[in-house]
Amino acid sequence: MANPAYDRLLVFSPVMVATWLAFIYAWPRLILTVYRRAILGRGLGEGPVPLNTLYLPPQEFFADPLSLPASAPAVATTGVNRDTLYTLGWLDLRGGPQMLHVPDMAGRYYSVQLTDPRNNTNFAYVGKRATGTAAGDYLISGPGWKGAVPAGMARISAPTHSVLIIGRVLVESDGDLPTAHALAKRIQLLPWKQAREAPPTRNGAGS
């Protein structure tokens, strides 16, 4: 004798599995879409952040972790991390590669994370654990780019033209904040065409 409840379960279970798999697939894209709109649309306290630009909050934002600027979007948070400065941006590589410059961190922990927003996966890192703390230049190129990379410059091939970039710099103490902030500010992005003509300003050799 047929059991209607069991028959409904047989039909319902595959639907639930398919729905759950669709949610797992779509959720990372949804989250990063929200962040993209927040970064490019409202910014994180000082207005929208242009494409291919790194934004570093002022020292005051870090020094006062319980205060969030009224202009910041809801996705911005404060007071969560008291030993790390964040710099972030969104790359659009359809117009050509970007050059990432990092200064000499003199052994300080830092990282620059590059994320594919289609699936929320990190495809490359620059930083103490991955590349060391010496000053360096990195060419970030999109799919299909076939230009020449200068000697001494590493190439990072992005799987997509749209890339989320997040930099982190360790703050060792309250007194270390000005030094850490100055270093984080010197993590720079430049269009490759412009970088070939006018590389980032550096304070001292190898910085």
Foldseek 3Di string as FASTA:
>chain_A
DDDVVVVVCVVVVVVVVVVVVVCLQCVLLVVVVVVQCQQQPQRQAPGHDDAQWKDWDDLVCLVDQVDGHPSHDPVDHGPPDNWKTKIKHKHQDPVHKKKWKAAQPVQFWKKKWKADSSRGDTDDMDTCVPPRRWIAMEIEHEPPDDDDDDPRYHYDYDPHRIIIMMMMTTQPDPVSSVVRSVRVVQGTMDGPVVCVVPNDDDDDPRD
